[in-house]
Amino acid sequence: LLRSYEAGSSFFFASPRRTLLAQGTFAAVPHVGGPNALEKLPERVAK
């Protein structure tokens, strides 16, 4: 997974217990601006 990482098309995340490599985009979480943008983020991700 580490060897397969490509900047511009990958998400890489390694912790002491696991390694993740995600590639491509099926869907993007839309951005909603404003002072409460981060508070509303879990709701947008769930949708």
PDB file of all heavy atoms in Angstrom:
ATOM      1  N   LEU A   1       0.834  -1.208   0.000  1.00  0.00           N
ATOM      2  CA  LEU A   1       0.000   0.000   0.000  1.00  0.00           C
ATOM      3  C   LEU A   1       0.862   1.250   0.000  1.00  0.00           C
ATOM      4  O   LEU A   1       0.550   2.233  -0.689  1.00  0.00           O
ATOM      5  CB  LEU A   1      -0.935  -0.006   1.207  1.00  0.00           C
ATOM      6  CG  LEU A   1      -1.921  -1.173   1.312  1.00  0.00           C
ATOM      7  CD1 LEU A   1      -2.926  -0.918   2.429  1.00  0.00           C
ATOM      8  CD2 LEU A   1      -2.630  -1.423  -0.001  1.00  0.00           C
ATOM      9  N   LEU A   2       1.934   1.228   0.773  1.00  0.00           N
ATOM     10  CA  LEU A   2       2.830   2.381   0.798  1.00  0.00           C
ATOM     11  C   LEU A   2       3.484   2.579  -0.567  1.00  0.00           C
ATOM     12  O   LEU A   2       3.594   3.707  -1.065  1.00  0.00           O
ATOM     13  CB  LEU A   2       3.891   2.191   1.878  1.00  0.00           C
ATOM     14  CG  LEU A   2       4.913   3.324   2.057  1.00  0.00           C
ATOM     15  CD1 LEU A   2       4.216   4.658   2.296  1.00  0.00           C
ATOM     16  CD2 LEU A   2       5.864   3.016   3.206  1.00  0.00           C
ATOM     17  N   ARG A   3       3.907   1.483  -1.199  1.00  0.00           N
ATOM     18  CA  ARG A   3       4.518   1.586  -2.525  1.00  0.00           C
ATOM     19  C   ARG A   3       3.514   2.082  -3.575  1.00  0.00           C
ATOM     20  O   ARG A   3       3.896   2.702  -4.567  1.00  0.00           O
ATOM     21  CB  ARG A   3       5.049   0.223  -2.972  1.00  0.00           C
ATOM     22  CG  ARG A   3       6.247  -0.294  -2.192  1.00  0.00           C
ATOM     23  CD  ARG A   3       6.853  -1.493  -2.901  1.00  0.00           C
ATOM     24  NE  ARG A   3       7.834  -2.157  -2.059  1.00  0.00           N
ATOM     25  CZ  ARG A   3       7.591  -3.248  -1.338  1.00  0.00           C
ATOM     26  NH1 ARG A   3       6.376  -3.774  -1.351  1.00  0.00           N
ATOM     27  NH2 ARG A   3       8.534  -3.807  -0.607  1.00  0.00           N
ATOM     28  N   SER A   4       2.233   1.799  -3.355  1.00  0.00           N
ATOM     29  CA  SER A   4       1.207   2.146  -4.343  1.00  0.00           C
ATOM     30  C   SER A   4       0.707   3.577  -4.206  1.00  0.00           C
ATOM     31  O   SER A   4      -0.091   4.030  -5.040  1.00  0.00           O
ATOM     32  CB  SER A   4       0.014   1.184  -4.217  1.00  0.00           C
ATOM     33  OG  SER A   4       0.411  -0.145  -4.472  1.00  0.00           O
ATOM     34  N   TYR A   5       1.135   4.291  -3.173  1.00  0.00           N
ATOM     35  CA  TYR A   5       0.670   5.668  -2.993  1.00  0.00           C
ATOM     36  C   TYR A   5       1.105   6.530  -4.176  1.00  0.00           C
ATOM     37  O   TYR A   5       2.257   6.487  -4.611  1.00  0.00           O
ATOM     38  CB  TYR A   5       1.226   6.266  -1.693  1.00  0.00           C
ATOM     39  CG  TYR A   5       1.013   7.759  -1.636  1.00  0.00           C
ATOM     40  CD1 TYR A   5      -0.237   8.287  -1.342  1.00  0.00           C
ATOM     41  CD2 TYR A   5       2.066   8.640  -1.922  1.00  0.00           C
ATOM     42  CE1 TYR A   5      -0.444   9.649  -1.331  1.00  0.00           C
ATOM     43  CE2 TYR A   5       1.866  10.009  -1.904  1.00  0.00           C
ATOM     44  CZ  TYR A   5       0.604  10.510  -1.614  1.00  0.00           C
ATOM     45  OH  TYR A   5       0.392  11.856  -1.607  1.00  0.00           O
ATOM     46  N   GLU A   6       0.166   7.331  -4.693  1.00  0.00           N
ATOM     47  CA  GLU A   6       0.446   8.272  -5.772  1.00  0.00           C
ATOM     48  C   GLU A   6      -0.121   9.632  -5.397  1.00  0.00           C
ATOM     49  O   GLU A   6      -1.333   9.777  -5.201  1.00  0.00           O
ATOM     50  CB  GLU A   6      -0.189   7.808  -7.092  1.00  0.00           C
ATOM     51  CG  GLU A   6       0.420   6.545  -7.681  1.00  0.00           C
ATOM     52  CD  GLU A   6       1.795   6.773  -8.272  1.00  0.00           C
ATOM     53  OE1 GLU A   6       2.162   7.950  -8.475  1.00  0.00           O
ATOM     54  OE2 GLU A   6       2.492   5.768  -8.543  1.00  0.00           O
ATOM     55  N   ALA A   7       0.750  10.632  -5.290  1.00  0.00           N
ATOM     56  CA  ALA A   7       0.285  11.984  -4.983  1.00  0.00           C
ATOM     57  C   ALA A   7      -0.680  12.445  -6.064  1.00  0.00           C
ATOM     58  O   ALA A   7      -0.450  12.238  -7.250  1.00  0.00           O
ATOM     59  CB  ALA A   7       1.470  12.940  -4.891  1.00  0.00           C
ATOM     60  N   GLY A   8      -1.781  13.041  -5.630  1.00  0.00           N
ATOM     61  CA  GLY A   8      -2.778  13.539  -6.565  1.00  0.00           C
ATOM     62  C   GLY A   8      -3.950  12.618  -6.787  1.00  0.00           C
ATOM     63  O   GLY A   8      -4.969  13.035  -7.335  1.00  0.00           O
ATOM     64  N   SER A   9      -3.817  11.346  -6.362  1.00  0.00           N
ATOM     65  CA  SER A   9      -4.928  10.411  -6.582  1.00  0.00           C
ATOM     66  C   SER A   9      -5.137   9.463  -5.421  1.00  0.00           C
ATOM     67  O   SER A   9      -5.929   8.532  -5.525  1.00  0.00           O
ATOM     68  CB  SER A   9      -4.677   9.590  -7.847  1.00  0.00           C
ATOM     69  OG  SER A   9      -3.499   8.805  -7.717  1.00  0.00           O
ATOM     70  N   SER A  10      -4.440   9.668  -4.286  1.00  0.00           N
ATOM     71  CA  SER A  10      -4.498   8.715  -3.181  1.00  0.00           C
ATOM     72  C   SER A  10      -4.689   9.413  -1.843  1.00  0.00           C
ATOM     73  O   SER A  10      -4.312  10.581  -1.665  1.00  0.00           O
ATOM     74  CB  SER A  10      -3.199   7.891  -3.094  1.00  0.00           C
ATOM     75  OG  SER A  10      -2.920   7.210  -4.285  1.00  0.00           O
ATOM     76  N   PHE A  11      -5.272   8.660  -0.919  1.00  0.00           N
ATOM     77  CA  PHE A  11      -5.300   9.015   0.507  1.00  0.00           C
ATOM     78  C   PHE A  11      -4.591   7.887   1.241  1.00  0.00           C
ATOM     79  O   PHE A  11      -4.957   6.715   1.095  1.00  0.00           O
ATOM     80  CB  PHE A  11      -6.738   9.145   1.003  1.00  0.00           C
ATOM     81  CG  PHE A  11      -6.871   9.194   2.512  1.00  0.00           C
ATOM     82  CD1 PHE A  11      -6.784  10.400   3.187  1.00  0.00           C
ATOM     83  CD2 PHE A  11      -7.076   8.032   3.248  1.00  0.00           C
ATOM     84  CE1 PHE A  11      -6.910  10.448   4.573  1.00  0.00           C
ATOM     85  CE2 PHE A  11      -7.199   8.071   4.624  1.00  0.00           C
ATOM     86  CZ  PHE A  11      -7.114   9.287   5.293  1.00  0.00           C
ATOM     87  N   PHE A  12      -3.566   8.246   2.020  1.00  0.00           N
ATOM     88  CA  PHE A  12      -2.807   7.244   2.771  1.00  0.00           C
ATOM     89  C   PHE A  12      -2.881   7.589   4.251  1.00  0.00           C
ATOM     90  O   PHE A  12      -2.717   8.749   4.631  1.00  0.00           O
ATOM     91  CB  PHE A  12      -1.345   7.224   2.317  1.00  0.00           C
ATOM     92  CG  PHE A  12      -0.521   6.169   3.012  1.00  0.00           C
ATOM     93  CD1 PHE A  12      -0.453   4.878   2.513  1.00  0.00           C
ATOM     94  CD2 PHE A  12       0.186   6.463   4.161  1.00  0.00           C
ATOM     95  CE1 PHE A  12       0.296   3.894   3.147  1.00  0.00           C
ATOM     96  CE2 PHE A  12       0.941   5.491   4.815  1.00  0.00           C
ATOM     97  CZ  PHE A  12       0.999   4.205   4.305  1.00  0.00           C
ATOM     98  N   PHE A  13      -3.128   6.558   5.075  1.00  0.00           N
ATOM     99  CA  PHE A  13      -3.225   6.775   6.519  1.00  0.00           C
ATOM    100  C   PHE A  13      -2.722   5.512   7.219  1.00  0.00           C
ATOM    101  O   PHE A  13      -3.290   4.433   7.051  1.00  0.00           O
ATOM    102  CB  PHE A  13      -4.671   7.059   6.924  1.00  0.00           C
ATOM    103  CG  PHE A  13      -4.859   7.482   8.352  1.00  0.00           C
ATOM    104  CD1 PHE A  13      -4.701   8.807   8.734  1.00  0.00           C
ATOM    105  CD2 PHE A  13      -5.214   6.553   9.320  1.00  0.00           C
ATOM    106  CE1 PHE A  13      -4.897   9.198  10.059  1.00  0.00           C
ATOM    107  CE2 PHE A  13      -5.406   6.932  10.642  1.00  0.00           C
ATOM    108  CZ  PHE A  13      -5.244   8.262  11.016  1.00  0.00           C
ATOM    109  N   ALA A  14      -1.645   5.636   7.965  1.00  0.00           N
ATOM    110  CA  ALA A  14      -1.074   4.507   8.703  1.00  0.00           C
ATOM    111  C   ALA A  14      -1.055   4.835  10.183  1.00  0.00           C
ATOM    112  O   ALA A  14      -0.557   5.887  10.599  1.00  0.00           O
ATOM    113  CB  ALA A  14       0.341   4.203   8.220  1.00  0.00           C
ATOM    114  N   SER A  15      -1.601   3.934  10.988  1.00  0.00           N
ATOM    115  CA  SER A  15      -1.575   4.041  12.439  1.00  0.00           C
ATOM    116  C   SER A  15      -0.763   2.867  12.978  1.00  0.00           C
ATOM    117  O   SER A  15      -0.342   1.997  12.218  1.00  0.00           O
ATOM    118  CB  SER A  15      -3.003   4.006  12.992  1.00  0.00           C
ATOM    119  OG  SER A  15      -3.528   2.687  12.931  1.00  0.00           O
ATOM    120  N   PRO A  16      -0.517   2.817  14.289  1.00  0.00           N
ATOM    121  CA  PRO A  16       0.220   1.676  14.827  1.00  0.00           C
ATOM    122  C   PRO A  16      -0.479   0.338  14.637  1.00  0.00           C
ATOM    123  O   PRO A  16       0.153  -0.713  14.810  1.00  0.00           O
ATOM    124  CB  PRO A  16       0.346   2.026  16.321  1.00  0.00           C
ATOM    125  CG  PRO A  16       0.264   3.511  16.382  1.00  0.00           C
ATOM    126  CD  PRO A  16      -0.709   3.878  15.307  1.00  0.00           C
ATOM    127  N   ARG A  17      -1.776   0.338  14.268  1.00  0.00           N
ATOM    128  CA  ARG A  17      -2.514  -0.915  14.143  1.00  0.00           C
ATOM    129  C   ARG A  17      -2.955  -1.242  12.728  1.00  0.00           C
ATOM    130  O   ARG A  17      -3.247  -2.394  12.422  1.00  0.00           O
ATOM    131  CB  ARG A  17      -3.747  -0.879  15.050  1.00  0.00           C
ATOM    132  CG  ARG A  17      -3.431  -0.831  16.532  1.00  0.00           C
ATOM    133  CD  ARG A  17      -4.685  -0.995  17.350  1.00  0.00           C
ATOM    134  NE  ARG A  17      -5.357  -2.255  17.053  1.00  0.00           N
ATOM    135  CZ  ARG A  17      -6.571  -2.567  17.500  1.00  0.00           C
ATOM    136  NH1 ARG A  17      -7.249  -1.694  18.237  1.00  0.00           N
ATOM    137  NH2 ARG A  17      -7.124  -3.725  17.195  1.00  0.00           N
ATOM    138  N   ARG A  18      -3.044  -0.242  11.836  1.00  0.00           N
ATOM    139  CA  ARG A  18      -3.572  -0.530  10.508  1.00  0.00           C
ATOM    140  C   ARG A  18      -3.042   0.469   9.497  1.00  0.00           C
ATOM    141  O   ARG A  18      -2.560   1.549   9.855  1.00  0.00           O
ATOM    142  CB  ARG A  18      -5.096  -0.535  10.516  1.00  0.00           C
ATOM    143  CG  ARG A  18      -5.725   0.837  10.666  1.00  0.00           C
ATOM    144  CD  ARG A  18      -7.239   0.736  10.710  1.00  0.00           C
ATOM    145  NE  ARG A  18      -7.669   0.142  11.975  1.00  0.00           N
ATOM    146  CZ  ARG A  18      -8.903  -0.316  12.179  1.00  0.00           C
ATOM    147  NH1 ARG A  18      -9.788  -0.305  11.213  1.00  0.00           N
ATOM    148  NH2 ARG A  18      -9.240  -0.803  13.357  1.00  0.00           N
ATOM    149  N   THR A  19      -3.166   0.089   8.229  1.00  0.00           N
ATOM    150  CA  THR A  19      -2.735   0.924   7.110  1.00  0.00           C
ATOM    151  C   THR A  19      -3.883   0.985   6.106  1.00  0.00           C
ATOM    152  O   THR A  19      -4.471  -0.043   5.773  1.00  0.00           O
ATOM    153  CB  THR A  19      -1.485   0.339   6.440  1.00  0.00           C
ATOM    154  OG1 THR A  19      -0.464   0.152   7.425  1.00  0.00           O
ATOM    155  CG2 THR A  19      -0.966   1.274   5.358  1.00  0.00           C
ATOM    156  N   LEU A  20      -4.187   2.191   5.640  1.00  0.00           N
ATOM    157  CA  LEU A  20      -5.257   2.391   4.667  1.00  0.00           C
ATOM    158  C   LEU A  20      -4.713   3.109   3.445  1.00  0.00           C
ATOM    159  O   LEU A  20      -3.928   4.065   3.563  1.00  0.00           O
ATOM    160  CB  LEU A  20      -6.391   3.240   5.242  1.00  0.00           C
ATOM    161  CG  LEU A  20      -7.517   2.568   6.034  1.00  0.00           C
ATOM    162  CD1 LEU A  20      -6.992   1.967   7.322  1.00  0.00           C
ATOM    163  CD2 LEU A  20      -8.616   3.570   6.331  1.00  0.00           C
ATOM    164  N   LEU A  21      -5.132   2.653   2.280  1.00  0.00           N
ATOM    165  CA  LEU A  21      -4.869   3.368   1.034  1.00  0.00           C
ATOM    166  C   LEU A  21      -6.180   3.468   0.269  1.00  0.00           C
ATOM    167  O   LEU A  21      -6.761   2.448  -0.120  1.00  0.00           O
ATOM    168  CB  LEU A  21      -3.821   2.649   0.182  1.00  0.00           C
ATOM    169  CG  LEU A  21      -3.530   3.321  -1.173  1.00  0.00           C
ATOM    170  CD1 LEU A  21      -2.803   4.654  -0.973  1.00  0.00           C
ATOM    171  CD2 LEU A  21      -2.723   2.398  -2.076  1.00  0.00           C
ATOM    172  N   ALA A  22      -6.659   4.690   0.070  1.00  0.00           N
ATOM    173  CA  ALA A  22      -7.871   4.937  -0.711  1.00  0.00           C
ATOM    174  C   ALA A  22      -7.476   5.646  -1.993  1.00  0.00           C
ATOM    175  O   ALA A  22      -6.591   6.514  -1.988  1.00  0.00           O
ATOM    176  CB  ALA A  22      -8.852   5.791   0.092  1.00  0.00           C
ATOM    177  N   GLN A  23      -8.132   5.280  -3.084  1.00  0.00           N
ATOM    178  CA  GLN A  23      -7.794   5.871  -4.377  1.00  0.00           C
ATOM    179  C   GLN A  23      -9.048   6.259  -5.140  1.00  0.00           C
ATOM    180  O   GLN A  23     -10.092   5.599  -5.045  1.00  0.00           O
ATOM    181  CB  GLN A  23      -6.946   4.888  -5.191  1.00  0.00           C
ATOM    182  CG  GLN A  23      -5.579   4.637  -4.567  1.00  0.00           C
ATOM    183  CD  GLN A  23      -4.776   3.587  -5.297  1.00  0.00           C
ATOM    184  OE1 GLN A  23      -5.253   2.496  -5.549  1.00  0.00           O
ATOM    185  NE2 GLN A  23      -3.541   3.917  -5.640  1.00  0.00           N
ATOM    186  N   GLY A  24      -8.932   7.354  -5.902  1.00  0.00           N
ATOM    187  CA  GLY A  24     -10.049   7.825  -6.696  1.00  0.00           C
ATOM    188  C   GLY A  24     -11.122   8.477  -5.840  1.00  0.00           C
ATOM    189  O   GLY A  24     -11.060   8.497  -4.612  1.00  0.00           O
ATOM    190  N   THR A  25     -12.143   9.030  -6.503  1.00  0.00           N
ATOM    191  CA  THR A  25     -13.258   9.685  -5.815  1.00  0.00           C
ATOM    192  C   THR A  25     -14.575   9.190  -6.381  1.00  0.00           C
ATOM    193  O   THR A  25     -14.869   9.412  -7.559  1.00  0.00           O
ATOM    194  CB  THR A  25     -13.175  11.216  -5.956  1.00  0.00           C
ATOM    195  OG1 THR A  25     -11.958  11.687  -5.381  1.00  0.00           O
ATOM    196  CG2 THR A  25     -14.354  11.885  -5.256  1.00  0.00           C
ATOM    197  N   PHE A  26     -15.358   8.506  -5.555  1.00  0.00           N
ATOM    198  CA  PHE A  26     -16.715   8.112  -5.931  1.00  0.00           C
ATOM    199  C   PHE A  26     -17.675   9.267  -5.688  1.00  0.00           C
ATOM    200  O   PHE A  26     -18.560   9.533  -6.502  1.00  0.00           O
ATOM    201  CB  PHE A  26     -17.152   6.883  -5.128  1.00  0.00           C
ATOM    202  CG  PHE A  26     -18.547   6.438  -5.426  1.00  0.00           C
ATOM    203  CD1 PHE A  26     -18.808   5.641  -6.533  1.00  0.00           C
ATOM    204  CD2 PHE A  26     -19.611   6.818  -4.615  1.00  0.00           C
ATOM    205  CE1 PHE A  26     -20.107   5.234  -6.823  1.00  0.00           C
ATOM    206  CE2 PHE A  26     -20.902   6.418  -4.895  1.00  0.00           C
ATOM    207  CZ  PHE A  26     -21.159   5.621  -6.007  1.00  0.00           C
ATOM    208  N   ALA A  27     -17.494   9.971  -4.549  1.00  0.00           N
ATOM    209  CA  ALA A  27     -18.334  11.125  -4.218  1.00  0.00           C
ATOM    210  C   ALA A  27     -17.558  12.034  -3.285  1.00  0.00           C
ATOM    211  O   ALA A  27     -16.770  11.563  -2.457  1.00  0.00           O
ATOM    212  CB  ALA A  27     -19.635  10.682  -3.559  1.00  0.00           C
ATOM    213  N   ALA A  28     -17.741  13.324  -3.423  1.00  0.00           N
ATOM    214  CA  ALA A  28     -17.105  14.308  -2.554  1.00  0.00           C
ATOM    215  C   ALA A  28     -18.143  14.887  -1.602  1.00  0.00           C
ATOM    216  O   ALA A  28     -19.295  15.111  -1.990  1.00  0.00           O
ATOM    217  CB  ALA A  28     -16.471  15.423  -3.375  1.00  0.00           C
ATOM    218  N   VAL A  29     -17.736  15.122  -0.369  1.00  0.00           N
ATOM    219  CA  VAL A  29     -18.630  15.741   0.613  1.00  0.00           C
ATOM    220  C   VAL A  29     -18.708  17.228   0.297  1.00  0.00           C
ATOM    221  O   VAL A  29     -17.678  17.919   0.276  1.00  0.00           O
ATOM    222  CB  VAL A  29     -18.112  15.514   2.039  1.00  0.00           C
ATOM    223  CG1 VAL A  29     -19.005  16.247   3.053  1.00  0.00           C
ATOM    224  CG2 VAL A  29     -18.049  14.027   2.349  1.00  0.00           C
ATOM    225  N   PRO A  30     -19.900  17.778   0.016  1.00  0.00           N
ATOM    226  CA  PRO A  30     -19.998  19.191  -0.374  1.00  0.00           C
ATOM    227  C   PRO A  30     -19.656  20.119   0.786  1.00  0.00           C
ATOM    228  O   PRO A  30     -19.890  19.799   1.956  1.00  0.00           O
ATOM    229  CB  PRO A  30     -21.463  19.336  -0.798  1.00  0.00           C
ATOM    230  CG  PRO A  30     -22.183  18.247  -0.064  1.00  0.00           C
ATOM    231  CD  PRO A  30     -21.217  17.105   0.036  1.00  0.00           C
ATOM    232  N   HIS A  31     -19.099  21.263   0.427  1.00  0.00           N
ATOM    233  CA  HIS A  31     -18.754  22.265   1.437  1.00  0.00           C
ATOM    234  C   HIS A  31     -19.914  23.230   1.623  1.00  0.00           C
ATOM    235  O   HIS A  31     -20.528  23.685   0.652  1.00  0.00           O
ATOM    236  CB  HIS A  31     -17.512  23.043   1.022  1.00  0.00           C
ATOM    237  CG  HIS A  31     -17.189  24.177   1.950  1.00  0.00           C
ATOM    238  ND1 HIS A  31     -16.896  23.976   3.280  1.00  0.00           N
ATOM    239  CD2 HIS A  31     -17.125  25.519   1.740  1.00  0.00           C
ATOM    240  CE1 HIS A  31     -16.657  25.147   3.853  1.00  0.00           C
ATOM    241  NE2 HIS A  31     -16.789  26.093   2.945  1.00  0.00           N
ATOM    242  N   VAL A  32     -20.219  23.511   2.867  1.00  0.00           N
ATOM    243  CA  VAL A  32     -21.200  24.534   3.219  1.00  0.00           C
ATOM    244  C   VAL A  32     -20.485  25.535   4.115  1.00  0.00           C
ATOM    245  O   VAL A  32     -19.982  25.168   5.184  1.00  0.00           O
ATOM    246  CB  VAL A  32     -22.425  23.928   3.946  1.00  0.00           C
ATOM    247  CG1 VAL A  32     -23.385  25.032   4.366  1.00  0.00           C
ATOM    248  CG2 VAL A  32     -23.130  22.911   3.050  1.00  0.00           C
ATOM    249  N   GLY A  33     -20.397  26.786   3.682  1.00  0.00           N
ATOM    250  CA  GLY A  33     -19.656  27.789   4.429  1.00  0.00           C
ATOM    251  C   GLY A  33     -20.422  28.294   5.640  1.00  0.00           C
ATOM    252  O   GLY A  33     -21.536  27.850   5.938  1.00  0.00           O
ATOM    253  N   GLY A  34     -19.812  29.254   6.338  1.00  0.00           N
ATOM    254  CA  GLY A  34     -20.463  29.853   7.486  1.00  0.00           C
ATOM    255  C   GLY A  34     -19.819  29.461   8.790  1.00  0.00           C
ATOM    256  O   GLY A  34     -18.988  28.544   8.850  1.00  0.00           O
ATOM    257  N   PRO A  35     -20.202  30.144   9.878  1.00  0.00           N
ATOM    258  CA  PRO A  35     -19.553  29.920  11.172  1.00  0.00           C
ATOM    259  C   PRO A  35     -19.772  28.524  11.741  1.00  0.00           C
ATOM    260  O   PRO A  35     -18.989  28.057  12.553  1.00  0.00           O
ATOM    261  CB  PRO A  35     -20.172  30.996  12.074  1.00  0.00           C
ATOM    262  CG  PRO A  35     -21.468  31.363  11.405  1.00  0.00           C
ATOM    263  CD  PRO A  35     -21.224  31.206   9.942  1.00  0.00           C
ATOM    264  N   ASN A  36     -20.859  27.847  11.348  1.00  0.00           N
ATOM    265  CA  ASN A  36     -21.150  26.516  11.885  1.00  0.00           C
ATOM    266  C   ASN A  36     -20.843  25.410  10.888  1.00  0.00           C
ATOM    267  O   ASN A  36     -21.384  24.307  10.979  1.00  0.00           O
ATOM    268  CB  ASN A  36     -22.628  26.434  12.301  1.00  0.00           C
ATOM    269  CG  ASN A  36     -22.978  27.423  13.392  1.00  0.00           C
ATOM    270  OD1 ASN A  36     -22.202  27.646  14.318  1.00  0.00           O
ATOM    271  ND2 ASN A  36     -24.147  28.029  13.271  1.00  0.00           N
ATOM    272  N   ALA A  37     -19.956  25.695   9.927  1.00  0.00           N
ATOM    273  CA  ALA A  37     -19.674  24.732   8.861  1.00  0.00           C
ATOM    274  C   ALA A  37     -19.165  23.412   9.408  1.00  0.00           C
ATOM    275  O   ALA A  37     -19.588  22.337   8.960  1.00  0.00           O
ATOM    276  CB  ALA A  37     -18.671  25.328   7.875  1.00  0.00           C
ATOM    277  N   LEU A  38     -18.262  23.446  10.387  1.00  0.00           N
ATOM    278  CA  LEU A  38     -17.697  22.203  10.904  1.00  0.00           C
ATOM    279  C   LEU A  38     -18.724  21.435  11.736  1.00  0.00           C
ATOM    280  O   LEU A  38     -18.741  20.202  11.718  1.00  0.00           O
ATOM    281  CB  LEU A  38     -16.444  22.490  11.729  1.00  0.00           C
ATOM    282  CG  LEU A  38     -15.260  23.079  10.951  1.00  0.00           C
ATOM    283  CD1 LEU A  38     -14.034  23.178  11.859  1.00  0.00           C
ATOM    284  CD2 LEU A  38     -14.931  22.248   9.718  1.00  0.00           C
ATOM    285  N   GLU A  39     -19.581  22.124  12.462  1.00  0.00           N
ATOM    286  CA  GLU A  39     -20.600  21.451  13.265  1.00  0.00           C
ATOM    287  C   GLU A  39     -21.542  20.631  12.396  1.00  0.00           C
ATOM    288  O   GLU A  39     -22.036  19.577  12.812  1.00  0.00           O
ATOM    289  CB  GLU A  39     -21.399  22.485  14.073  1.00  0.00           C
ATOM    290  CG  GLU A  39     -20.588  23.185  15.152  1.00  0.00           C
ATOM    291  CD  GLU A  39     -21.424  24.228  15.882  1.00  0.00           C
ATOM    292  OE1 GLU A  39     -22.675  24.149  15.807  1.00  0.00           O
ATOM    293  OE2 GLU A  39     -20.829  25.119  16.510  1.00  0.00           O
ATOM    294  N   LYS A  40     -21.799  21.099  11.183  1.00  0.00           N
ATOM    295  CA  LYS A  40     -22.727  20.413  10.275  1.00  0.00           C
ATOM    296  C   LYS A  40     -22.042  19.324   9.455  1.00  0.00           C
ATOM    297  O   LYS A  40     -22.707  18.598   8.706  1.00  0.00           O
ATOM    298  CB  LYS A  40     -23.374  21.441   9.341  1.00  0.00           C
ATOM    299  CG  LYS A  40     -24.190  22.501  10.073  1.00  0.00           C
ATOM    300  CD  LYS A  40     -24.674  23.571   9.105  1.00  0.00           C
ATOM    301  CE  LYS A  40     -25.435  24.667   9.842  1.00  0.00           C
ATOM    302  NZ  LYS A  40     -25.839  25.770   8.921  1.00  0.00           N
ATOM    303  N   LEU A  41     -20.733  19.197   9.585  1.00  0.00           N
ATOM    304  CA  LEU A  41     -19.987  18.269   8.752  1.00  0.00           C
ATOM    305  C   LEU A  41     -20.403  16.809   8.953  1.00  0.00           C
ATOM    306  O   LEU A  41     -20.578  16.086   7.958  1.00  0.00           O
ATOM    307  CB  LEU A  41     -18.489  18.450   9.004  1.00  0.00           C
ATOM    308  CG  LEU A  41     -17.538  17.694   8.090  1.00  0.00           C
ATOM    309  CD1 LEU A  41     -17.761  18.067   6.626  1.00  0.00           C
ATOM    310  CD2 LEU A  41     -16.085  17.989   8.492  1.00  0.00           C
ATOM    311  N   PRO A  42     -20.561  16.299  10.183  1.00  0.00           N
ATOM    312  CA  PRO A  42     -20.973  14.891  10.329  1.00  0.00           C
ATOM    313  C   PRO A  42     -22.292  14.574   9.632  1.00  0.00           C
ATOM    314  O   PRO A  42     -22.454  13.499   9.042  1.00  0.00           O
ATOM    315  CB  PRO A  42     -21.091  14.720  11.850  1.00  0.00           C
ATOM    316  CG  PRO A  42     -20.160  15.741  12.425  1.00  0.00           C
ATOM    317  CD  PRO A  42     -20.280  16.920  11.496  1.00  0.00           C
ATOM    318  N   GLU A  43     -23.228  15.509   9.663  1.00  0.00           N
ATOM    319  CA  GLU A  43     -24.521  15.308   9.003  1.00  0.00           C
ATOM    320  C   GLU A  43     -24.347  15.197   7.491  1.00  0.00           C
ATOM    321  O   GLU A  43     -24.958  14.338   6.836  1.00  0.00           O
ATOM    322  CB  GLU A  43     -25.439  16.481   9.356  1.00  0.00           C
ATOM    323  CG  GLU A  43     -26.799  16.439   8.718  1.00  0.00           C
ATOM    324  CD  GLU A  43     -27.620  17.674   9.074  1.00  0.00           C
ATOM    325  OE1 GLU A  43     -27.454  18.197  10.206  1.00  0.00           O
ATOM    326  OE2 GLU A  43     -28.403  18.122   8.225  1.00  0.00           O
ATOM    327  N   ARG A  44     -23.479  16.055   6.918  1.00  0.00           N
ATOM    328  CA  ARG A  44     -23.247  16.005   5.472  1.00  0.00           C
ATOM    329  C   ARG A  44     -22.535  14.720   5.076  1.00  0.00           C
ATOM    330  O   ARG A  44     -22.839  14.123   4.041  1.00  0.00           O
ATOM    331  CB  ARG A  44     -22.438  17.230   5.033  1.00  0.00           C
ATOM    332  CG  ARG A  44     -23.137  18.551   5.296  1.00  0.00           C
ATOM    333  CD  ARG A  44     -22.615  19.657   4.403  1.00  0.00           C
ATOM    334  NE  ARG A  44     -21.171  19.807   4.468  1.00  0.00           N
ATOM    335  CZ  ARG A  44     -20.525  20.519   5.385  1.00  0.00           C
ATOM    336  NH1 ARG A  44     -21.210  21.139   6.350  1.00  0.00           N
ATOM    337  NH2 ARG A  44     -19.217  20.630   5.363  1.00  0.00           N
ATOM    338  N   VAL A  45     -21.586  14.284   5.892  1.00  0.00           N
ATOM    339  CA  VAL A  45     -20.871  13.044   5.601  1.00  0.00           C
ATOM    340  C   VAL A  45     -21.821  11.854   5.669  1.00  0.00           C
ATOM    341  O   VAL A  45     -21.783  10.954   4.812  1.00  0.00           O
ATOM    342  CB  VAL A  45     -19.684  12.861   6.572  1.00  0.00           C
ATOM    343  CG1 VAL A  45     -19.114  11.450   6.481  1.00  0.00           C
ATOM    344  CG2 VAL A  45     -18.598  13.893   6.271  1.00  0.00           C
ATOM    345  N   ALA A  46     -22.687  11.830   6.681  1.00  0.00           N
ATOM    346  CA  ALA A  46     -23.640  10.728   6.815  1.00  0.00           C
ATOM    347  C   ALA A  46     -24.538  10.636   5.581  1.00  0.00           C
ATOM    348  O   ALA A  46     -24.840   9.526   5.101  1.00  0.00           O
ATOM    349  CB  ALA A  46     -24.484  10.919   8.072  1.00  0.00           C
ATOM    350  N   LYS A  47     -24.954  11.775   5.038  1.00  0.00           N
ATOM    351  CA  LYS A  47     -25.809  11.750   3.847  1.00  0.00           C
ATOM    352  C   LYS A  47     -25.058  11.213   2.639  1.00  0.00           C
ATOM    353  O   LYS A  47     -25.584  10.401   1.861  1.00  0.00           O
ATOM    354  CB  LYS A  47     -26.346  13.151   3.553  1.00  0.00           C
ATOM    355  CG  LYS A  47     -27.313  13.168   2.363  1.00  0.00           C
ATOM    356  CD  LYS A  47     -27.837  14.549   2.083  1.00  0.00           C
ATOM    357  CE  LYS A  47     -28.912  14.516   0.988  1.00  0.00           C
ATOM    358  NZ  LYS A  47     -28.468  13.800  -0.231  1.00  0.00           N
TER     359      LYS A  47
END
